[in-house]
Amino acid sequence: FGDLADPDSDVSKSVVDRGGFNLLDEFGYEPVNKYLPPRSNEVSIGEVSVEAEVPQPDGSAIERLFAWADAALSR
């Protein structure tokens, strides 16, 4: 949330950095909402950018449960 009219606001900078765009622009509206594409997995630490680590499955019971539920719900 923030002031999109202020180009120096955090939200305005996020829209520009992430390639945000107007919602329902094709209808000629002038919306105040913007769509922000998902963030990348890249994380900035100070001036160094590193790729965020994606957790790897460890075969635990909870992971097996989620895998079963995912398969059951994907049918």
N, C-alpha and C. Protein backbone atom coordinates (compact mmCIF):
# COMPACT_ATOMS: atom_id res chain seq x y z
N PHE A 1 0.84 -1.17 0.00
CA PHE A 1 0.00 0.00 0.00
C PHE A 1 0.89 1.23 0.00
N GLY A 2 0.39 2.27 -0.61
CA GLY A 2 1.16 3.50 -0.64
C GLY A 2 0.60 4.47 -1.65
N ASP A 3 1.34 5.52 -1.91
CA ASP A 3 0.91 6.58 -2.81
C ASP A 3 1.52 6.36 -4.19
N LEU A 4 0.69 5.88 -5.13
CA LEU A 4 1.18 5.65 -6.48
C LEU A 4 1.46 6.95 -7.23
N ALA A 5 0.90 8.06 -6.75
CA ALA A 5 1.14 9.35 -7.39
C ALA A 5 2.52 9.90 -7.05
N ASP A 6 3.15 9.35 -6.02
CA ASP A 6 4.48 9.78 -5.61
C ASP A 6 5.51 8.81 -6.18
N PRO A 7 6.27 9.22 -7.19
CA PRO A 7 7.23 8.30 -7.82
C PRO A 7 8.35 7.85 -6.88
N ASP A 8 8.54 8.53 -5.75
CA ASP A 8 9.58 8.14 -4.81
C ASP A 8 9.07 7.23 -3.69
N SER A 9 7.76 6.91 -3.71
CA SER A 9 7.21 6.04 -2.67
C SER A 9 7.65 4.59 -2.91
N ASP A 10 7.68 3.80 -1.85
CA ASP A 10 8.09 2.39 -1.97
C ASP A 10 7.19 1.63 -2.93
N VAL A 11 5.88 1.89 -2.88
CA VAL A 11 4.97 1.15 -3.74
C VAL A 11 5.19 1.52 -5.22
N SER A 12 5.44 2.78 -5.51
CA SER A 12 5.71 3.19 -6.89
C SER A 12 6.99 2.54 -7.41
N LYS A 13 8.00 2.49 -6.55
CA LYS A 13 9.26 1.85 -6.94
C LYS A 13 9.06 0.36 -7.18
N SER A 14 8.23 -0.30 -6.36
CA SER A 14 7.95 -1.73 -6.54
C SER A 14 7.25 -1.98 -7.87
N VAL A 15 6.30 -1.12 -8.22
CA VAL A 15 5.56 -1.26 -9.48
C VAL A 15 6.54 -1.18 -10.66
N VAL A 16 7.44 -0.23 -10.61
CA VAL A 16 8.42 -0.07 -11.70
C VAL A 16 9.40 -1.24 -11.73
N ASP A 17 9.96 -1.60 -10.57
CA ASP A 17 10.97 -2.67 -10.50
C ASP A 17 10.42 -4.02 -10.95
N ARG A 18 9.16 -4.31 -10.62
CA ARG A 18 8.59 -5.62 -10.90
C ARG A 18 7.72 -5.64 -12.14
N GLY A 19 7.65 -4.53 -12.87
CA GLY A 19 6.88 -4.50 -14.12
C GLY A 19 5.38 -4.53 -13.89
N GLY A 20 4.91 -3.84 -12.86
CA GLY A 20 3.48 -3.80 -12.57
C GLY A 20 2.71 -3.08 -13.66
N PHE A 21 1.42 -3.38 -13.73
CA PHE A 21 0.59 -2.74 -14.74
C PHE A 21 -0.83 -2.54 -14.20
N ASN A 22 -1.59 -1.66 -14.89
CA ASN A 22 -2.96 -1.36 -14.49
C ASN A 22 -3.86 -2.56 -14.68
N LEU A 23 -4.84 -2.71 -13.79
CA LEU A 23 -5.87 -3.73 -13.94
C LEU A 23 -7.02 -3.13 -14.74
N LEU A 24 -7.61 -3.91 -15.64
CA LEU A 24 -8.76 -3.51 -16.46
C LEU A 24 -8.47 -2.29 -17.32
N ASP A 25 -7.24 -2.14 -17.72
CA ASP A 25 -6.83 -1.00 -18.55
C ASP A 25 -7.56 -1.00 -19.89
N GLU A 26 -7.91 -2.20 -20.39
CA GLU A 26 -8.56 -2.32 -21.70
C GLU A 26 -9.97 -1.71 -21.72
N PHE A 27 -10.55 -1.44 -20.57
CA PHE A 27 -11.87 -0.84 -20.51
C PHE A 27 -11.82 0.68 -20.45
N GLY A 28 -10.63 1.24 -20.48
CA GLY A 28 -10.47 2.69 -20.46
C GLY A 28 -10.58 3.29 -19.07
N TYR A 29 -10.58 2.44 -18.06
CA TYR A 29 -10.63 2.93 -16.68
C TYR A 29 -9.26 3.52 -16.33
N GLU A 30 -9.24 4.30 -15.31
CA GLU A 30 -7.98 4.77 -14.75
C GLU A 30 -7.90 4.22 -13.34
N PRO A 31 -7.56 2.94 -13.23
CA PRO A 31 -7.61 2.28 -11.92
C PRO A 31 -6.51 2.76 -10.98
N VAL A 32 -6.79 2.63 -9.70
CA VAL A 32 -5.78 2.94 -8.70
C VAL A 32 -5.05 1.68 -8.26
N ASN A 33 -5.50 0.53 -8.73
CA ASN A 33 -4.86 -0.74 -8.40
C ASN A 33 -3.90 -1.14 -9.50
N LYS A 34 -2.82 -1.75 -9.11
CA LYS A 34 -1.83 -2.25 -10.05
C LYS A 34 -1.62 -3.73 -9.79
N TYR A 35 -1.31 -4.48 -10.84
CA TYR A 35 -0.93 -5.87 -10.68
C TYR A 35 0.58 -5.94 -10.59
N LEU A 36 1.09 -6.64 -9.58
CA LEU A 36 2.53 -6.87 -9.46
C LEU A 36 2.81 -8.33 -9.73
N PRO A 37 3.62 -8.64 -10.75
CA PRO A 37 3.99 -10.03 -10.99
C PRO A 37 4.70 -10.61 -9.77
N PRO A 38 4.71 -11.93 -9.64
CA PRO A 38 5.39 -12.56 -8.50
C PRO A 38 6.85 -12.14 -8.42
N ARG A 39 7.35 -12.10 -7.21
CA ARG A 39 8.76 -11.78 -6.98
C ARG A 39 9.62 -12.92 -7.46
N SER A 40 10.85 -12.61 -7.82
CA SER A 40 11.79 -13.66 -8.18
C SER A 40 12.31 -14.30 -6.90
N ASN A 41 13.05 -15.39 -7.04
CA ASN A 41 13.64 -16.05 -5.88
C ASN A 41 14.91 -15.36 -5.42
N GLU A 42 15.27 -14.28 -6.09
CA GLU A 42 16.51 -13.59 -5.74
C GLU A 42 16.29 -12.73 -4.51
N VAL A 43 17.21 -12.81 -3.59
CA VAL A 43 17.13 -12.07 -2.34
C VAL A 43 18.34 -11.15 -2.26
N SER A 44 18.12 -9.89 -1.89
CA SER A 44 19.24 -8.96 -1.73
C SER A 44 19.67 -8.93 -0.28
N ILE A 45 20.95 -9.09 -0.06
CA ILE A 45 21.52 -8.98 1.27
C ILE A 45 22.57 -7.89 1.18
N GLY A 46 22.18 -6.69 1.66
CA GLY A 46 23.08 -5.55 1.49
C GLY A 46 23.21 -5.26 0.01
N GLU A 47 24.42 -5.23 -0.49
CA GLU A 47 24.65 -4.99 -1.91
C GLU A 47 24.85 -6.28 -2.68
N VAL A 48 24.76 -7.43 -2.01
CA VAL A 48 24.99 -8.71 -2.65
C VAL A 48 23.66 -9.38 -2.91
N SER A 49 23.44 -9.85 -4.14
CA SER A 49 22.24 -10.59 -4.47
C SER A 49 22.58 -12.07 -4.50
N VAL A 50 21.73 -12.87 -3.86
CA VAL A 50 21.92 -14.31 -3.85
C VAL A 50 20.61 -14.96 -4.22
N GLU A 51 20.69 -16.14 -4.80
CA GLU A 51 19.50 -16.91 -5.13
C GLU A 51 18.97 -17.55 -3.85
N ALA A 52 17.68 -17.37 -3.58
CA ALA A 52 17.08 -17.95 -2.38
C ALA A 52 17.10 -19.47 -2.48
N GLU A 53 17.38 -20.12 -1.38
CA GLU A 53 17.41 -21.57 -1.37
C GLU A 53 15.99 -22.11 -1.33
N VAL A 54 15.71 -23.07 -2.19
CA VAL A 54 14.42 -23.73 -2.21
C VAL A 54 14.54 -24.98 -1.35
N PRO A 55 13.66 -25.11 -0.36
CA PRO A 55 13.76 -26.29 0.51
C PRO A 55 13.60 -27.58 -0.30
N GLN A 56 14.41 -28.57 0.02
CA GLN A 56 14.35 -29.86 -0.66
C GLN A 56 13.54 -30.84 0.19
N PRO A 57 12.75 -31.69 -0.46
CA PRO A 57 11.97 -32.67 0.30
C PRO A 57 12.89 -33.59 1.11
N ASP A 58 12.45 -33.91 2.31
CA ASP A 58 13.27 -34.78 3.15
C ASP A 58 12.59 -36.12 3.41
N GLY A 59 11.41 -36.34 2.80
CA GLY A 59 10.73 -37.62 2.96
C GLY A 59 9.99 -37.77 4.28
N SER A 60 9.79 -36.66 4.99
CA SER A 60 9.11 -36.73 6.28
C SER A 60 7.64 -37.09 6.08
N ALA A 61 6.99 -37.50 7.16
CA ALA A 61 5.58 -37.88 7.10
C ALA A 61 4.71 -36.73 6.62
N ILE A 62 4.99 -35.52 7.07
CA ILE A 62 4.18 -34.37 6.67
C ILE A 62 4.34 -34.08 5.18
N GLU A 63 5.54 -34.25 4.65
CA GLU A 63 5.75 -34.05 3.22
C GLU A 63 5.03 -35.11 2.41
N ARG A 64 5.04 -36.34 2.88
CA ARG A 64 4.31 -37.42 2.19
C ARG A 64 2.81 -37.13 2.21
N LEU A 65 2.31 -36.60 3.34
CA LEU A 65 0.89 -36.25 3.44
C LEU A 65 0.54 -35.16 2.43
N PHE A 66 1.38 -34.11 2.36
CA PHE A 66 1.11 -33.03 1.41
C PHE A 66 1.21 -33.52 -0.04
N ALA A 67 2.14 -34.39 -0.33
CA ALA A 67 2.27 -34.96 -1.68
C ALA A 67 1.02 -35.75 -2.03
N TRP A 68 0.51 -36.55 -1.07
CA TRP A 68 -0.71 -37.32 -1.30
C TRP A 68 -1.89 -36.38 -1.55
N ALA A 69 -2.03 -35.35 -0.69
CA ALA A 69 -3.14 -34.39 -0.84
C ALA A 69 -3.05 -33.65 -2.17
N ASP A 70 -1.85 -33.27 -2.57
CA ASP A 70 -1.65 -32.58 -3.84
C ASP A 70 -2.08 -33.47 -5.00
N ALA A 71 -1.67 -34.73 -4.95
CA ALA A 71 -2.04 -35.67 -6.02
C ALA A 71 -3.55 -35.91 -6.03
N ALA A 72 -4.16 -36.06 -4.85
CA ALA A 72 -5.59 -36.31 -4.78
C ALA A 72 -6.40 -35.12 -5.28
N LEU A 73 -5.97 -33.92 -4.96
CA LEU A 73 -6.70 -32.73 -5.37
C LEU A 73 -6.43 -32.31 -6.80
N SER A 74 -5.38 -32.85 -7.41
CA SER A 74 -5.03 -32.49 -8.78
C SER A 74 -5.79 -33.33 -9.81
N ARG A 75 -6.50 -34.32 -9.36
CA ARG A 75 -7.23 -35.21 -10.30
C ARG A 75 -8.46 -34.56 -10.81
